[in-house]
N, C-alpha and C. Protein backbone atom coordinates (compact mmCIF):
# COMPACT_ATOMS: atom_id res chain seq x y z
N MET A 1 0.99 -1.10 -0.15
CA MET A 1 0.03 0.10 0.08
C MET A 1 1.16 1.29 -0.11
N GLU A 2 0.73 2.24 -1.36
CA GLU A 2 1.33 3.44 -1.21
C GLU A 2 0.91 4.23 0.26
N LEU A 3 2.31 4.76 0.56
CA LEU A 3 2.14 5.60 1.97
C LEU A 3 1.72 7.15 1.37
N SER A 4 0.56 6.99 1.40
CA SER A 4 -0.06 8.75 1.15
C SER A 4 0.54 9.82 2.14
N VAL A 5 0.37 11.06 1.91
CA VAL A 5 0.65 12.16 2.94
C VAL A 5 -0.53 12.24 4.04
N THR A 6 -1.73 11.96 3.36
CA THR A 6 -2.95 11.54 4.19
C THR A 6 -3.01 10.83 5.46
N LEU A 7 -1.93 9.35 5.37
CA LEU A 7 -1.98 8.43 5.75
C LEU A 7 -0.46 9.13 6.73
N ILE A 8 0.25 9.74 6.52
CA ILE A 8 1.31 10.24 7.20
C ILE A 8 0.80 10.93 8.48
N ILE A 9 0.05 11.78 7.87
CA ILE A 9 -0.59 12.71 9.01
C ILE A 9 -1.46 12.18 9.80
N ILE A 10 -2.25 10.76 9.32
CA ILE A 10 -2.98 10.35 10.53
C ILE A 10 -2.18 9.32 11.34
N ILE A 11 -1.30 8.99 10.69
CA ILE A 11 0.02 8.34 11.82
C ILE A 11 0.84 9.17 12.70
N ILE A 12 0.90 9.82 12.61
CA ILE A 12 1.66 11.27 13.53
C ILE A 12 0.56 11.97 14.20
N THR A 13 -0.59 12.11 13.74
CA THR A 13 -2.02 12.58 14.61
C THR A 13 -2.20 11.44 15.92
N CYS A 14 -2.09 10.31 15.33
CA CYS A 14 -2.36 8.90 16.14
C CYS A 14 -0.90 8.97 17.53
N ILE A 15 0.06 8.99 16.79
CA ILE A 15 1.04 9.03 17.79
C ILE A 15 1.07 9.90 18.76
N THR A 16 1.06 11.17 18.39
CA THR A 16 1.17 12.29 19.33
C THR A 16 -0.05 12.47 20.68
N SER A 17 -1.35 11.94 19.76
CA SER A 17 -2.59 11.69 20.78
C SER A 17 -2.54 10.69 21.52
N TYR A 18 -2.11 9.55 21.51
CA TYR A 18 -1.46 8.57 22.23
C TYR A 18 -0.10 8.86 23.50
N TYR A 19 0.50 9.52 22.69
CA TYR A 19 1.73 10.07 23.76
C TYR A 19 1.06 11.17 24.99
N GLY A 20 0.05 11.96 24.42
CA GLY A 20 -0.53 13.07 25.53
C GLY A 20 -1.43 12.34 26.56
N TRP A 21 -1.90 10.93 25.88
CA TRP A 21 -2.90 10.31 27.08
C TRP A 21 -2.00 9.93 27.81
N LYS A 22 -1.16 9.41 27.83
CA LYS A 22 -0.15 8.71 28.88
C LYS A 22 0.64 9.90 29.42
N ASN A 23 0.68 10.93 29.01
CA ASN A 23 1.32 11.98 29.54
C ASN A 23 0.56 13.53 29.63
N PRO A 24 -0.23 13.68 30.51
CA PRO A 24 -1.00 14.66 30.41
C PRO A 24 -0.52 15.80 30.33
N GLU A 25 0.58 16.57 30.91
CA GLU A 25 1.12 17.31 31.06
C GLU A 25 1.70 18.01 29.72
N PHE A 26 1.91 16.68 28.54
CA PHE A 26 2.10 17.32 26.78
C PHE A 26 0.87 17.75 26.26
N ILE A 27 -0.11 17.09 27.18
CA ILE A 27 -1.81 17.61 26.56
C ILE A 27 -1.86 19.30 26.95
N ASN A 28 -1.46 19.49 28.40
CA ASN A 28 -1.91 20.40 28.87
C ASN A 28 -1.04 21.74 28.34
N LYS A 29 0.53 21.12 27.90
CA LYS A 29 1.20 22.30 26.81
C LYS A 29 1.11 22.76 25.40
N ASN A 30 0.17 21.79 25.15
CA ASN A 30 -0.34 21.93 23.42
C ASN A 30 -1.92 22.27 22.88
N LEU A 31 -2.54 22.34 24.17
CA LEU A 31 -4.01 22.73 23.94
C LEU A 31 -4.35 23.98 23.58
N PHE A 32 -5.53 24.31 22.80
CA PHE A 32 -5.34 25.35 22.10
C PHE A 32 -6.34 26.20 23.50
N THR A 33 -5.71 26.89 23.96
CA THR A 33 -6.02 27.59 25.35
C THR A 33 -5.58 29.34 24.66
N PRO A 34 -7.00 29.76 24.36
CA PRO A 34 -6.40 31.45 23.97
C PRO A 34 -6.27 32.55 24.87
N TYR A 35 -6.34 32.11 26.28
CA TYR A 35 -5.95 33.04 27.14
C TYR A 35 -4.35 32.82 26.93
N ILE A 36 -3.99 31.83 27.10
CA ILE A 36 -2.82 31.58 27.21
C ILE A 36 -1.80 31.77 26.37
N ILE A 37 -2.40 31.83 25.02
CA ILE A 37 -1.58 32.20 23.91
C ILE A 37 -1.71 33.67 23.92
N LYS A 38 -2.57 34.43 23.93
CA LYS A 38 -2.65 35.74 24.49
C LYS A 38 -1.53 36.45 25.54
N THR A 39 -1.43 35.65 26.24
CA THR A 39 -0.89 36.14 27.99
C THR A 39 0.76 35.97 27.34
N ASP A 40 0.87 34.64 27.02
CA ASP A 40 2.23 34.10 26.85
C ASP A 40 2.85 34.11 25.61
N GLY A 41 2.44 34.39 24.38
CA GLY A 41 2.78 34.57 23.29
C GLY A 41 2.35 33.09 22.82
N ALA A 42 2.28 32.19 22.99
CA ALA A 42 2.21 30.62 22.76
C ALA A 42 1.56 30.36 21.37
N TYR A 43 1.78 30.83 20.56
CA TYR A 43 1.22 31.17 19.23
C TYR A 43 1.46 29.44 18.87
N GLY A 44 2.11 28.72 18.79
CA GLY A 44 2.45 27.57 18.39
C GLY A 44 1.09 26.74 18.73
N ARG A 45 0.72 26.91 19.89
CA ARG A 45 -0.77 26.03 20.24
C ARG A 45 -1.99 26.09 19.31
N PHE A 46 -1.74 26.98 18.08
CA PHE A 46 -2.66 27.01 17.35
C PHE A 46 -2.81 25.73 16.59
N LEU A 47 -1.05 25.51 16.10
CA LEU A 47 -1.24 24.03 15.36
C LEU A 47 -0.89 23.02 15.99
N THR A 48 -0.21 23.09 17.17
CA THR A 48 0.01 21.85 17.75
C THR A 48 -1.21 21.39 18.74
N SER A 49 -2.32 21.89 18.70
CA SER A 49 -3.39 21.22 19.60
C SER A 49 -4.15 20.28 18.25
N GLY A 50 -3.60 21.03 17.11
CA GLY A 50 -4.36 19.89 16.07
C GLY A 50 -4.07 18.55 16.08
N PHE A 51 -2.93 18.25 16.71
CA PHE A 51 -2.44 16.79 16.64
C PHE A 51 -2.55 16.21 18.10
N ILE A 52 -3.26 16.47 18.57
CA ILE A 52 -3.70 15.58 19.94
C ILE A 52 -5.35 15.77 20.09
N HIS A 53 -6.07 14.81 20.93
CA HIS A 53 -7.33 14.22 20.81
C HIS A 53 -7.66 13.99 22.31
N LYS A 54 -8.79 14.15 22.67
CA LYS A 54 -9.12 13.98 23.84
C LYS A 54 -9.35 12.57 24.29
N ASP A 55 -9.63 11.71 23.27
CA ASP A 55 -9.75 10.42 23.71
C ASP A 55 -9.99 9.46 22.05
N GLY A 56 -10.06 8.30 22.81
CA GLY A 56 -10.23 7.40 21.42
C GLY A 56 -11.15 7.49 20.25
N THR A 57 -12.47 8.10 20.53
CA THR A 57 -13.48 8.20 19.89
C THR A 57 -13.20 9.28 19.20
N HIS A 58 -12.86 10.58 19.72
CA HIS A 58 -12.61 11.86 19.06
C HIS A 58 -11.75 11.47 18.26
N LEU A 59 -10.24 11.01 18.28
CA LEU A 59 -9.49 10.47 17.47
C LEU A 59 -9.98 9.64 16.22
N LEU A 60 -10.76 8.44 16.96
CA LEU A 60 -11.01 7.67 15.59
C LEU A 60 -11.93 8.78 14.84
N PHE A 61 -12.96 9.32 14.89
CA PHE A 61 -13.99 10.12 14.49
C PHE A 61 -13.03 11.30 13.18
N ASN A 62 -12.41 11.88 14.05
CA ASN A 62 -11.60 12.51 13.10
C ASN A 62 -10.69 11.91 11.79
N MET A 63 -9.92 11.29 12.45
CA MET A 63 -9.15 10.78 11.37
C MET A 63 -9.72 9.83 10.76
N PHE A 64 -10.45 8.84 10.84
CA PHE A 64 -11.63 8.01 9.71
C PHE A 64 -12.20 9.28 8.70
N THR A 65 -12.99 10.15 9.35
CA THR A 65 -13.25 11.11 8.11
C THR A 65 -12.12 11.49 7.29
N PHE A 66 -10.90 12.19 8.08
CA PHE A 66 -10.03 12.39 7.19
C PHE A 66 -9.29 11.65 6.02
N TYR A 67 -8.96 10.05 6.51
CA TYR A 67 -8.50 9.51 5.75
C TYR A 67 -9.61 9.30 4.48
N PHE A 68 -10.64 9.05 4.59
CA PHE A 68 -11.45 9.39 3.39
C PHE A 68 -11.20 10.18 1.79
N PHE A 69 -11.60 11.50 2.83
CA PHE A 69 -11.80 12.91 2.22
C PHE A 69 -10.21 13.38 2.12
N GLY A 70 -9.58 12.99 2.81
CA GLY A 70 -8.29 13.66 2.57
C GLY A 70 -7.30 13.21 1.46
N ASN A 71 -7.58 11.91 0.87
CA ASN A 71 -7.04 11.01 -0.57
C ASN A 71 -7.64 11.82 -1.56
N VAL A 72 -8.77 12.35 -1.47
CA VAL A 72 -9.27 12.93 -2.87
C VAL A 72 -8.99 13.99 -2.82
N VAL A 73 -8.61 15.19 -1.84
CA VAL A 73 -7.80 16.55 -1.99
C VAL A 73 -6.41 16.29 -2.13
N GLU A 74 -5.99 15.69 -1.59
CA GLU A 74 -4.57 15.08 -1.76
C GLU A 74 -4.25 15.29 -3.60
N SER A 75 -5.35 14.01 -4.09
CA SER A 75 -5.08 13.19 -5.21
C SER A 75 -5.58 14.98 -6.13
N TYR A 76 -6.29 15.30 -5.63
CA TYR A 76 -6.60 16.62 -6.69
C TYR A 76 -5.52 17.51 -6.84
N LEU A 77 -4.98 18.17 -5.67
CA LEU A 77 -4.27 19.04 -5.01
C LEU A 77 -2.24 18.58 -6.32
N ASN A 78 -2.33 17.20 -6.40
CA ASN A 78 -1.38 16.35 -7.11
C ASN A 78 -1.63 16.48 -8.48
N TYR A 79 -2.68 16.51 -8.68
CA TYR A 79 -3.30 16.78 -10.38
C TYR A 79 -3.22 18.07 -10.89
N ALA A 80 -3.54 19.12 -9.59
CA ALA A 80 -3.38 20.47 -9.88
C ALA A 80 -2.11 21.29 -10.02
N PHE A 81 -1.31 20.71 -9.20
CA PHE A 81 0.07 21.39 -8.77
C PHE A 81 1.29 20.61 -9.73
N GLY A 82 1.20 18.92 -9.61
CA GLY A 82 1.97 18.30 -10.03
C GLY A 82 2.73 17.23 -8.63
N PRO A 83 3.07 16.38 -8.73
CA PRO A 83 3.31 15.21 -7.64
C PRO A 83 4.31 15.89 -6.12
N GLU A 84 5.02 16.99 -7.08
CA GLU A 84 6.18 17.53 -5.98
C GLU A 84 5.22 18.57 -4.86
N LEU A 85 5.12 19.34 -5.93
CA LEU A 85 4.59 20.58 -5.44
C LEU A 85 2.88 20.22 -4.88
N GLY A 86 2.21 19.37 -5.13
CA GLY A 86 0.92 19.11 -4.45
C GLY A 86 0.98 18.29 -3.58
N ILE A 87 2.32 17.85 -2.95
CA ILE A 87 2.35 17.52 -1.96
C ILE A 87 2.45 18.28 -0.80
N VAL A 88 3.26 19.28 -1.43
CA VAL A 88 3.76 20.64 -0.25
C VAL A 88 2.10 21.56 -0.06
N ALA A 89 1.61 21.57 -1.05
CA ALA A 89 0.18 22.26 -1.16
C ALA A 89 -0.81 21.81 -0.40
N PHE A 90 -0.92 20.22 -0.39
CA PHE A 90 -1.67 19.61 0.47
C PHE A 90 -1.70 19.83 2.19
N VAL A 91 0.10 19.42 2.60
CA VAL A 91 0.14 19.58 3.84
C VAL A 91 -0.01 21.00 4.34
N LEU A 92 0.57 22.23 3.73
CA LEU A 92 0.09 23.34 4.02
C LEU A 92 -1.34 23.76 4.26
N PHE A 93 -2.47 22.98 3.20
CA PHE A 93 -3.94 23.08 3.16
C PHE A 93 -4.22 22.89 4.93
N TYR A 94 -3.72 21.87 5.05
CA TYR A 94 -4.26 21.00 6.11
C TYR A 94 -3.59 21.79 7.50
N LEU A 95 -2.38 22.38 7.19
CA LEU A 95 -2.01 22.71 8.78
C LEU A 95 -2.47 24.31 8.65
N ILE A 96 -2.58 25.08 7.60
CA ILE A 96 -3.25 26.31 7.70
C ILE A 96 -4.57 26.29 8.07
N ALA A 97 -5.30 25.30 7.44
CA ALA A 97 -6.68 24.79 8.01
C ALA A 97 -7.00 24.84 9.27
N ILE A 98 -5.90 24.31 10.17
CA ILE A 98 -6.69 23.98 11.61
C ILE A 98 -5.92 25.38 12.17
N ILE A 99 -5.01 25.98 11.50
CA ILE A 99 -4.95 27.40 12.33
C ILE A 99 -6.28 28.78 12.14
N ILE A 100 -6.37 28.70 10.58
CA ILE A 100 -7.40 29.40 10.54
C ILE A 100 -8.53 29.32 10.91
N ALA A 101 -9.00 28.14 11.18
CA ALA A 101 -10.32 27.63 11.82
C ALA A 101 -10.27 27.95 13.49
N ASP A 102 -8.84 28.30 13.93
CA ASP A 102 -9.45 28.72 15.27
C ASP A 102 -9.35 30.38 15.60
N ILE A 103 -8.77 30.77 14.54
CA ILE A 103 -8.82 32.39 14.86
C ILE A 103 -9.99 32.92 15.59
N PRO A 104 -11.04 32.53 14.65
CA PRO A 104 -12.13 33.13 15.51
C PRO A 104 -12.63 32.90 17.26
N THR A 105 -12.42 31.73 17.35
CA THR A 105 -12.47 31.09 18.64
C THR A 105 -11.40 31.92 19.53
N TYR A 106 -10.30 32.26 19.09
CA TYR A 106 -9.40 32.79 19.67
C TYR A 106 -9.82 34.12 19.85
N LEU A 107 -10.07 34.96 19.03
CA LEU A 107 -10.52 36.20 19.01
C LEU A 107 -12.05 36.52 20.13
N LYS A 108 -12.67 34.61 20.05
CA LYS A 108 -13.96 35.72 21.33
C LYS A 108 -13.56 35.08 22.27
N GLU A 109 -12.71 33.95 23.03
CA GLU A 109 -12.46 33.35 24.05
C GLU A 109 -10.99 33.80 25.05
N GLN A 110 -10.52 35.05 23.90
CA GLN A 110 -8.71 35.34 24.79
C GLN A 110 -8.59 35.54 25.88
N ASN A 111 -9.98 36.34 26.71
CA ASN A 111 -9.78 36.74 28.07
C ASN A 111 -10.82 35.77 28.91
N ASN A 112 -10.57 34.45 28.50
CA ASN A 112 -11.46 33.58 29.38
C ASN A 112 -10.26 32.11 29.60
N PRO A 113 -9.77 32.40 30.86
CA PRO A 113 -8.98 31.31 31.22
C PRO A 113 -9.77 29.87 31.08
N SER A 114 -10.73 29.85 31.39
CA SER A 114 -11.20 28.69 31.23
C SER A 114 -11.47 28.06 30.20
N TYR A 115 -11.10 28.40 28.89
CA TYR A 115 -11.75 27.93 27.80
C TYR A 115 -10.21 27.27 27.21
N HIS A 116 -10.88 25.85 26.75
CA HIS A 116 -9.99 24.99 26.35
C HIS A 116 -10.01 24.08 25.12
N ALA A 117 -9.62 24.02 23.62
CA ALA A 117 -9.80 23.30 22.86
C ALA A 117 -8.72 22.03 22.26
N LEU A 118 -8.91 20.97 21.28
CA LEU A 118 -7.77 20.50 21.19
C LEU A 118 -9.19 19.49 19.49
N GLY A 119 -7.88 19.01 19.12
CA GLY A 119 -8.39 18.15 17.89
C GLY A 119 -8.20 18.85 16.32
N ALA A 120 -8.28 17.64 15.35
CA ALA A 120 -8.00 17.94 14.51
C ALA A 120 -9.14 18.82 13.40
N SER A 121 -10.10 18.99 14.04
CA SER A 121 -11.87 19.61 13.39
C SER A 121 -11.53 20.40 12.29
N GLY A 122 -10.54 21.62 12.65
CA GLY A 122 -10.21 22.46 11.51
C GLY A 122 -9.84 21.86 10.19
N GLY A 123 -8.94 20.98 10.23
CA GLY A 123 -7.96 20.61 9.17
C GLY A 123 -9.03 19.59 8.68
N THR A 124 -9.63 18.93 9.52
CA THR A 124 -10.99 17.58 9.07
C THR A 124 -11.87 18.62 8.26
N SER A 125 -12.30 19.49 8.71
CA SER A 125 -13.79 20.10 8.17
C SER A 125 -13.22 20.55 6.69
N ALA A 126 -12.12 21.03 6.85
CA ALA A 126 -11.80 21.92 5.53
C ALA A 126 -11.67 20.63 4.51
N THR A 127 -10.87 19.90 4.57
CA THR A 127 -10.94 18.75 3.88
C THR A 127 -12.34 18.10 3.38
N VAL A 128 -13.21 17.95 4.42
CA VAL A 128 -14.06 17.25 4.01
C VAL A 128 -15.13 18.49 2.76
N PHE A 129 -15.09 19.46 3.13
CA PHE A 129 -15.82 20.92 2.59
C PHE A 129 -14.95 21.29 1.14
N ALA A 130 -13.79 20.75 0.82
CA ALA A 130 -12.93 20.90 -0.57
C ALA A 130 -13.47 19.57 -1.12
N SER A 131 -13.51 18.53 -0.51
CA SER A 131 -13.88 17.03 -1.15
C SER A 131 -15.36 17.31 -1.66
N ILE A 132 -16.63 18.03 -1.00
CA ILE A 132 -17.45 18.34 -1.67
C ILE A 132 -18.02 19.20 -2.64
N ILE A 133 -16.84 20.11 -2.58
CA ILE A 133 -16.73 21.12 -3.76
C ILE A 133 -16.54 20.30 -5.31
N LEU A 134 -15.27 19.48 -4.82
CA LEU A 134 -14.77 18.65 -5.80
C LEU A 134 -16.09 17.58 -6.70
N MET A 135 -16.79 17.26 -5.81
CA MET A 135 -17.52 16.14 -6.10
C MET A 135 -18.92 16.60 -5.00
N PRO A 136 -19.78 17.05 -5.49
CA PRO A 136 -20.90 17.54 -4.32
C PRO A 136 -22.15 16.52 -4.41
N LEU A 137 -22.16 15.65 -5.70
CA LEU A 137 -22.93 14.34 -5.42
C LEU A 137 -22.99 13.35 -4.78
N SER A 138 -21.43 13.15 -4.99
CA SER A 138 -21.25 12.18 -3.88
C SER A 138 -22.00 11.58 -2.73
N ASP A 139 -21.95 10.35 -2.55
CA ASP A 139 -23.22 10.40 -1.13
C ASP A 139 -22.01 10.49 0.18
N ILE A 140 -22.59 11.01 1.37
CA ILE A 140 -21.84 10.99 2.68
C ILE A 140 -22.23 10.53 3.48
N CYS A 141 -22.04 8.91 3.84
CA CYS A 141 -22.82 8.51 5.25
C CYS A 141 -22.68 8.29 6.49
N ILE A 142 -23.41 8.63 7.29
CA ILE A 142 -23.42 9.01 8.93
C ILE A 142 -23.36 7.47 9.21
N PHE A 143 -22.32 7.00 9.76
CA PHE A 143 -22.34 5.63 10.68
C PHE A 143 -23.06 4.66 9.56
N GLY A 144 -22.34 4.73 8.30
CA GLY A 144 -22.68 4.30 7.53
C GLY A 144 -24.51 3.61 7.02
N ILE A 145 -25.16 4.64 7.18
CA ILE A 145 -26.46 4.38 7.37
C ILE A 145 -27.45 5.47 6.94
N PHE A 146 -26.87 6.86 7.13
CA PHE A 146 -27.93 7.82 6.78
C PHE A 146 -26.75 8.21 5.50
N CYS A 147 -27.28 8.36 4.73
CA CYS A 147 -26.46 8.76 3.06
C CYS A 147 -27.37 9.98 2.45
N LEU A 148 -26.69 11.02 2.05
CA LEU A 148 -26.96 12.31 1.44
C LEU A 148 -26.03 12.68 0.54
N PRO A 149 -26.20 13.07 -0.69
CA PRO A 149 -25.14 13.80 -1.58
C PRO A 149 -24.44 15.04 -0.90
N GLY A 150 -23.20 15.32 -0.60
CA GLY A 150 -22.23 15.70 -0.01
C GLY A 150 -22.81 17.06 0.08
N PHE A 151 -23.17 17.93 -0.93
CA PHE A 151 -23.62 18.89 -0.85
C PHE A 151 -24.81 19.38 0.21
N ILE A 152 -25.75 18.47 0.15
CA ILE A 152 -27.15 18.65 0.88
C ILE A 152 -26.36 18.46 2.58
N LEU A 153 -25.54 17.39 2.71
CA LEU A 153 -25.25 17.02 4.05
C LEU A 153 -24.36 18.18 4.44
N GLY A 154 -23.39 18.54 3.72
CA GLY A 154 -22.57 20.19 3.93
C GLY A 154 -23.55 20.90 4.45
N LEU A 155 -24.52 21.41 3.77
CA LEU A 155 -25.07 22.73 3.90
C LEU A 155 -25.96 22.16 5.14
N LEU A 156 -26.86 21.39 5.71
CA LEU A 156 -26.93 21.23 7.08
C LEU A 156 -25.82 21.09 8.23
N PHE A 157 -25.00 20.71 7.67
CA PHE A 157 -23.34 20.76 8.86
C PHE A 157 -23.25 22.22 8.99
N LEU A 158 -23.25 22.79 7.90
CA LEU A 158 -22.72 24.27 7.93
C LEU A 158 -23.86 25.22 8.95
N GLY A 159 -25.17 24.63 8.73
CA GLY A 159 -26.12 25.87 9.43
C GLY A 159 -26.05 25.36 11.20
N TYR A 160 -25.86 24.18 10.97
CA TYR A 160 -25.89 23.43 12.51
C TYR A 160 -24.29 24.17 12.96
N ALA A 161 -23.26 24.06 12.80
CA ALA A 161 -22.36 24.70 12.97
C ALA A 161 -22.49 26.06 13.59
N PHE A 162 -23.01 26.72 12.64
CA PHE A 162 -23.06 28.22 12.75
C PHE A 162 -24.14 28.21 13.67
N TYR A 163 -24.87 27.49 13.65
CA TYR A 163 -25.98 27.85 15.14
C TYR A 163 -25.27 27.58 16.48
N LYS A 164 -24.60 26.18 16.46
CA LYS A 164 -23.79 25.81 17.83
C LYS A 164 -22.60 26.67 18.22
N GLY A 165 -22.28 27.14 17.11
CA GLY A 165 -20.99 28.26 17.40
C GLY A 165 -21.76 29.26 18.24
N ARG A 166 -23.15 29.80 17.84
CA ARG A 166 -23.78 31.23 18.22
C ARG A 166 -24.25 30.68 19.65
N ALA A 167 -24.56 29.57 19.86
CA ALA A 167 -25.42 29.39 21.19
C ALA A 167 -24.12 28.79 21.98
N GLY A 168 -22.98 28.00 21.64
CA GLY A 168 -22.52 27.46 22.97
C GLY A 168 -22.43 26.36 23.80
N GLY A 169 -21.78 26.53 24.99
CA GLY A 169 -22.25 25.75 25.89
C GLY A 169 -22.14 24.52 25.83
N ASP A 170 -21.59 23.85 25.13
CA ASP A 170 -21.35 22.21 25.07
C ASP A 170 -19.82 21.99 24.76
N ASN A 171 -18.79 22.74 25.03
CA ASN A 171 -17.33 22.73 24.96
C ASN A 171 -16.81 21.64 23.78
N ILE A 172 -17.81 22.18 22.47
CA ILE A 172 -17.09 21.65 21.25
C ILE A 172 -16.79 23.03 20.73
N ASN A 173 -16.03 22.92 19.70
CA ASN A 173 -15.83 24.31 19.01
C ASN A 173 -16.38 24.19 17.58
N HIS A 174 -17.87 24.57 17.75
CA HIS A 174 -18.19 24.35 16.45
C HIS A 174 -17.57 25.53 15.28
N ASP A 175 -17.30 26.51 15.99
CA ASP A 175 -16.63 27.71 14.81
C ASP A 175 -15.36 26.84 14.24
N ALA A 176 -14.72 26.23 14.96
CA ALA A 176 -13.50 25.54 13.79
C ALA A 176 -14.39 24.66 13.25
N HIS A 177 -15.27 24.09 13.18
CA HIS A 177 -15.91 23.36 12.26
C HIS A 177 -16.35 24.24 10.94
N PHE A 178 -17.02 24.94 11.54
CA PHE A 178 -17.56 26.10 10.64
C PHE A 178 -16.52 26.77 9.37
N TYR A 179 -15.78 27.41 10.26
CA TYR A 179 -14.33 28.03 9.77
C TYR A 179 -13.46 27.17 8.76
N GLY A 180 -13.58 25.89 9.23
CA GLY A 180 -12.65 25.26 8.68
C GLY A 180 -13.33 25.01 7.03
N ALA A 181 -14.62 24.64 7.30
CA ALA A 181 -15.14 24.22 6.09
C ALA A 181 -15.22 25.53 5.08
N VAL A 182 -15.41 26.97 5.61
CA VAL A 182 -15.44 27.76 4.74
C VAL A 182 -13.58 28.10 4.02
N PHE A 183 -12.72 27.56 4.87
CA PHE A 183 -11.45 27.69 4.32
C PHE A 183 -11.50 27.02 3.43
N GLY A 184 -11.61 25.72 3.40
CA GLY A 184 -11.60 24.76 2.42
C GLY A 184 -12.49 24.76 1.14
N ILE A 185 -13.61 25.27 1.25
CA ILE A 185 -14.11 25.65 0.06
C ILE A 185 -13.57 26.83 -0.48
N LEU A 186 -13.00 27.93 0.20
CA LEU A 186 -12.68 28.96 -0.56
C LEU A 186 -10.91 28.75 -0.98
N VAL A 187 -10.29 27.92 -0.49
CA VAL A 187 -9.26 26.79 -1.27
C VAL A 187 -9.42 26.53 -2.77
N ILE A 188 -10.29 25.86 -2.99
CA ILE A 188 -10.47 24.72 -3.64
C ILE A 188 -10.88 25.56 -5.47
N VAL A 189 -11.83 26.93 -4.85
CA VAL A 189 -12.17 27.94 -5.56
C VAL A 189 -11.25 28.76 -5.95
N LEU A 190 -10.60 29.19 -5.21
CA LEU A 190 -9.65 29.95 -5.62
C LEU A 190 -8.25 29.18 -6.62
N ILE A 191 -8.12 28.02 -6.42
CA ILE A 191 -7.23 27.26 -7.04
C ILE A 191 -7.79 27.04 -8.24
N SER A 192 -9.20 27.17 -8.85
CA SER A 192 -9.56 27.02 -9.93
C SER A 192 -11.09 27.14 -9.57
N PRO A 193 -11.30 28.66 -10.45
CA PRO A 193 -12.87 29.14 -10.25
C PRO A 193 -13.73 27.84 -11.18
N GLU A 194 -13.37 27.31 -12.13
CA GLU A 194 -13.84 26.41 -12.87
C GLU A 194 -14.49 25.47 -11.75
N ASN A 195 -14.14 25.18 -10.44
CA ASN A 195 -14.33 24.43 -9.95
C ASN A 195 -16.10 24.63 -9.20
N ALA A 196 -16.08 26.10 -8.60
CA ALA A 196 -17.30 26.94 -8.48
C ALA A 196 -18.68 26.32 -9.43
N LEU A 197 -18.10 26.48 -10.69
CA LEU A 197 -18.92 26.42 -12.03
C LEU A 197 -19.28 24.97 -12.06
N HIS A 198 -18.20 24.13 -11.87
CA HIS A 198 -18.90 22.61 -11.93
C HIS A 198 -19.56 22.01 -10.72
N PHE A 199 -19.40 22.70 -9.54
CA PHE A 199 -20.18 22.50 -8.65
C PHE A 199 -21.67 22.93 -8.77
N TRP A 200 -21.77 24.25 -9.11
CA TRP A 200 -23.04 24.82 -9.52
C TRP A 200 -23.73 23.83 -10.63
N GLU A 201 -23.20 23.67 -11.72
CA GLU A 201 -23.82 22.49 -12.46
C GLU A 201 -24.34 21.46 -12.26
N GLN A 202 -23.46 20.55 -11.42
CA GLN A 202 -24.00 19.36 -10.89
C GLN A 202 -24.83 19.37 -9.87
N VAL A 203 -24.97 20.53 -8.91
CA VAL A 203 -25.97 21.00 -7.99
C VAL A 203 -27.61 21.27 -8.69
N LYS A 204 -27.47 21.95 -9.25
CA LYS A 204 -28.29 22.79 -10.41
C LYS A 204 -29.27 21.55 -11.22
N ASN A 205 -28.32 20.94 -11.60
CA ASN A 205 -29.35 19.45 -12.31
C ASN A 205 -29.50 18.42 -11.33
N PHE A 206 -29.24 18.61 -10.19
CA PHE A 206 -29.49 17.42 -9.35
C PHE A 206 -31.19 17.26 -8.95
N SER A 207 -31.46 16.11 -9.14
CA SER A 207 -32.79 15.35 -8.84
C SER A 207 -32.37 14.66 -7.51
N LEU A 208 -33.43 14.73 -6.35
CA LEU A 208 -33.65 13.93 -5.63
C LEU A 208 -34.31 12.46 -5.62
N PHE A 209 -35.17 12.55 -6.37
CA PHE A 209 -36.02 11.56 -6.91
C PHE A 209 -35.87 11.46 -8.38
């Protein structure tokens, strides 16, 4: 089996997450804590927090999702830029998505010492929505049972993430999901505006029945 960049990122994330479970201090030093980032200038937490996870379920969900959609985006970027630049573009896409997705939360929570977050949700969300722009009619299944075309499920997810991000109160960084998704969409459209036209043509002609 070819060792794709997607798989390498998953392996690194699994190793760092597992190490963090065995060494809580490692987790504490890498958590996304806006207050500490602001007061201590610990800007590296924007990125390192994306490589640690709360538990096995959190890790499995993010990495399982990233595996399937990451390969799609990685292949597209290899096609768009060539194999070597494509690898660089995909790594930068993923890392920047993690950072960008957390900026709104940082601005909102920078004076709240009790707020913490972790996980690759921003990068994973960006990857999923980049894939949706490329293949809007491909089904996405929840738990392998409930399936909908990607663009429909994507719209529902964006609405949910936006609403929950405004409501708050459940210790999930919904803003990272939302802004990661927006970042993924914008990158694919900026690389080639034709992707937006292709997306629109497929969605316009879609019929559920």
